[in-house]
Amino acid sequence: MSDTKLINVKLTKNLMLCASMAVVGSTFQFGYNTGVINAPQRVIETFFNETFQQRYVVVVSSNL
């Protein structure tokens, strides 16, 4: 027998639907998580800076 085999692959409607839903679903999920995580960025930065200043009595530069 030969080492190479020809496999007949069919793209079915269900396969295409599942692939499309996976792509759309994952991009929606990524975008939603990015928006939710980045929304409180200023609040978290302010908390970190204030805490650092209180603990170490050092002024944090705004360039960081």
N, C-alpha and C. Protein backbone atom coordinates (compact mmCIF):
# COMPACT_ATOMS: atom_id res chain seq x y z
N MET A 1 0.83 -1.18 0.00
CA MET A 1 0.00 0.00 0.00
C MET A 1 0.87 1.25 0.00
N SER A 2 0.35 2.28 -0.54
CA SER A 2 1.05 3.55 -0.60
C SER A 2 0.95 4.28 0.74
N ASP A 3 1.97 5.08 1.06
CA ASP A 3 1.97 5.86 2.31
C ASP A 3 0.99 7.02 2.25
N THR A 4 0.73 7.48 1.07
CA THR A 4 -0.20 8.61 0.94
C THR A 4 -1.58 8.07 0.59
N LYS A 5 -2.56 8.62 1.30
CA LYS A 5 -3.94 8.22 1.05
C LYS A 5 -4.75 9.46 0.70
N LEU A 6 -5.64 9.32 -0.22
CA LEU A 6 -6.52 10.41 -0.61
C LEU A 6 -7.80 10.30 0.21
N ILE A 7 -8.08 11.34 0.97
CA ILE A 7 -9.28 11.35 1.80
C ILE A 7 -10.29 12.28 1.17
N ASN A 8 -11.48 11.79 0.98
CA ASN A 8 -12.56 12.59 0.41
C ASN A 8 -13.23 13.36 1.55
N VAL A 9 -13.10 14.68 1.53
CA VAL A 9 -13.66 15.52 2.59
C VAL A 9 -14.81 16.32 2.01
N LYS A 10 -15.94 16.30 2.72
CA LYS A 10 -17.11 17.06 2.27
C LYS A 10 -17.38 18.16 3.29
N LEU A 11 -17.62 19.35 2.79
CA LEU A 11 -18.03 20.45 3.64
C LEU A 11 -19.55 20.46 3.69
N THR A 12 -20.07 20.13 4.82
CA THR A 12 -21.52 20.07 4.96
C THR A 12 -22.04 21.39 5.51
N LYS A 13 -23.34 21.58 5.44
CA LYS A 13 -23.95 22.79 5.98
C LYS A 13 -23.72 22.89 7.48
N ASN A 14 -23.87 21.76 8.17
CA ASN A 14 -23.66 21.77 9.62
C ASN A 14 -22.22 22.13 9.99
N LEU A 15 -21.26 21.61 9.24
CA LEU A 15 -19.86 21.92 9.50
C LEU A 15 -19.59 23.40 9.29
N MET A 16 -20.08 23.96 8.21
CA MET A 16 -19.89 25.38 7.93
C MET A 16 -20.58 26.25 8.99
N LEU A 17 -21.77 25.84 9.42
CA LEU A 17 -22.49 26.58 10.44
C LEU A 17 -21.72 26.57 11.76
N CYS A 18 -21.23 25.42 12.15
CA CYS A 18 -20.46 25.31 13.39
C CYS A 18 -19.18 26.14 13.33
N ALA A 19 -18.48 26.10 12.23
CA ALA A 19 -17.25 26.87 12.08
C ALA A 19 -17.55 28.37 12.13
N SER A 20 -18.60 28.79 11.46
CA SER A 20 -18.98 30.20 11.45
C SER A 20 -19.37 30.67 12.84
N MET A 21 -20.14 29.87 13.55
CA MET A 21 -20.56 30.24 14.91
C MET A 21 -19.37 30.30 15.86
N ALA A 22 -18.41 29.42 15.68
CA ALA A 22 -17.23 29.44 16.53
C ALA A 22 -16.43 30.72 16.31
N VAL A 23 -16.30 31.13 15.06
CA VAL A 23 -15.55 32.35 14.74
C VAL A 23 -16.28 33.58 15.29
N VAL A 24 -17.56 33.68 15.02
CA VAL A 24 -18.34 34.83 15.48
C VAL A 24 -18.41 34.84 17.01
N GLY A 25 -18.64 33.70 17.60
CA GLY A 25 -18.74 33.62 19.05
C GLY A 25 -17.45 33.99 19.75
N SER A 26 -16.34 33.55 19.23
CA SER A 26 -15.06 33.85 19.89
C SER A 26 -14.69 35.32 19.75
N THR A 27 -14.98 35.95 18.61
CA THR A 27 -14.66 37.36 18.46
C THR A 27 -15.57 38.21 19.35
N PHE A 28 -16.83 37.83 19.48
CA PHE A 28 -17.73 38.55 20.37
C PHE A 28 -17.24 38.44 21.81
N GLN A 29 -16.85 37.26 22.21
CA GLN A 29 -16.38 37.03 23.57
C GLN A 29 -15.10 37.81 23.84
N PHE A 30 -14.19 37.83 22.90
CA PHE A 30 -12.94 38.58 23.06
C PHE A 30 -13.21 40.07 23.18
N GLY A 31 -14.06 40.60 22.33
CA GLY A 31 -14.39 42.02 22.37
C GLY A 31 -15.09 42.41 23.66
N TYR A 32 -15.99 41.59 24.10
CA TYR A 32 -16.72 41.87 25.34
C TYR A 32 -15.77 41.87 26.53
N ASN A 33 -14.92 40.87 26.63
CA ASN A 33 -13.98 40.79 27.74
C ASN A 33 -12.99 41.94 27.72
N THR A 34 -12.54 42.35 26.56
CA THR A 34 -11.62 43.48 26.45
C THR A 34 -12.30 44.75 26.93
N GLY A 35 -13.53 44.95 26.55
CA GLY A 35 -14.26 46.14 26.98
C GLY A 35 -14.52 46.16 28.47
N VAL A 36 -14.86 45.03 29.03
CA VAL A 36 -15.15 44.96 30.45
C VAL A 36 -13.88 45.14 31.28
N ILE A 37 -12.79 44.56 30.83
CA ILE A 37 -11.54 44.66 31.57
C ILE A 37 -10.95 46.06 31.48
N ASN A 38 -11.02 46.71 30.33
CA ASN A 38 -10.43 48.02 30.15
C ASN A 38 -11.28 49.15 30.73
N ALA A 39 -12.55 48.92 30.99
CA ALA A 39 -13.43 49.98 31.48
C ALA A 39 -12.97 50.55 32.82
N PRO A 40 -12.62 49.73 33.81
CA PRO A 40 -12.21 50.30 35.11
C PRO A 40 -10.71 50.60 35.20
N GLN A 41 -10.04 50.80 34.09
CA GLN A 41 -8.60 50.98 34.09
C GLN A 41 -8.16 52.16 34.95
N ARG A 42 -8.81 53.30 34.81
CA ARG A 42 -8.43 54.49 35.56
C ARG A 42 -8.61 54.29 37.07
N VAL A 43 -9.70 53.64 37.44
CA VAL A 43 -9.96 53.39 38.85
C VAL A 43 -8.87 52.50 39.45
N ILE A 44 -8.48 51.47 38.73
CA ILE A 44 -7.45 50.55 39.21
C ILE A 44 -6.09 51.26 39.28
N GLU A 45 -5.76 52.06 38.26
CA GLU A 45 -4.50 52.80 38.27
C GLU A 45 -4.44 53.76 39.44
N THR A 46 -5.52 54.47 39.69
CA THR A 46 -5.57 55.41 40.81
C THR A 46 -5.39 54.68 42.13
N PHE A 47 -6.06 53.55 42.28
CA PHE A 47 -5.93 52.76 43.51
C PHE A 47 -4.50 52.30 43.72
N PHE A 48 -3.86 51.77 42.67
CA PHE A 48 -2.48 51.31 42.78
C PHE A 48 -1.54 52.45 43.15
N ASN A 49 -1.69 53.59 42.46
CA ASN A 49 -0.81 54.72 42.72
C ASN A 49 -0.98 55.24 44.14
N GLU A 50 -2.22 55.39 44.60
CA GLU A 50 -2.45 55.87 45.96
C GLU A 50 -1.91 54.91 47.00
N THR A 51 -2.11 53.63 46.80
CA THR A 51 -1.61 52.62 47.73
C THR A 51 -0.09 52.63 47.78
N PHE A 52 0.54 52.71 46.61
CA PHE A 52 2.00 52.73 46.55
C PHE A 52 2.55 53.96 47.25
N GLN A 53 1.91 55.12 47.02
CA GLN A 53 2.37 56.35 47.66
C GLN A 53 2.21 56.28 49.18
N GLN A 54 1.13 55.70 49.65
CA GLN A 54 0.92 55.60 51.10
C GLN A 54 1.91 54.63 51.74
N ARG A 55 2.22 53.55 51.10
CA ARG A 55 3.10 52.54 51.68
C ARG A 55 4.57 52.97 51.68
N TYR A 56 5.01 53.54 50.56
CA TYR A 56 6.43 53.82 50.39
C TYR A 56 6.78 55.30 50.41
N VAL A 57 5.81 56.16 50.58
CA VAL A 57 5.99 57.62 50.63
C VAL A 57 6.84 58.09 49.44
N VAL A 58 6.44 57.64 48.27
CA VAL A 58 7.12 57.98 47.03
C VAL A 58 6.06 58.46 46.05
N VAL A 59 6.38 59.55 45.34
CA VAL A 59 5.46 60.06 44.34
C VAL A 59 5.63 59.26 43.06
N VAL A 60 4.54 58.73 42.54
CA VAL A 60 4.58 57.94 41.32
C VAL A 60 4.46 58.87 40.13
N SER A 61 5.36 58.72 39.17
CA SER A 61 5.35 59.55 37.97
C SER A 61 4.18 59.16 37.08
N SER A 62 3.61 60.14 36.41
CA SER A 62 2.50 59.85 35.51
C SER A 62 2.98 59.22 34.20
N ASN A 63 4.30 59.22 33.96
CA ASN A 63 4.86 58.62 32.75
C ASN A 63 4.83 57.11 32.79
N LEU A 64 4.70 56.53 33.97
CA LEU A 64 4.74 55.08 34.10
C LEU A 64 3.43 54.57 33.71
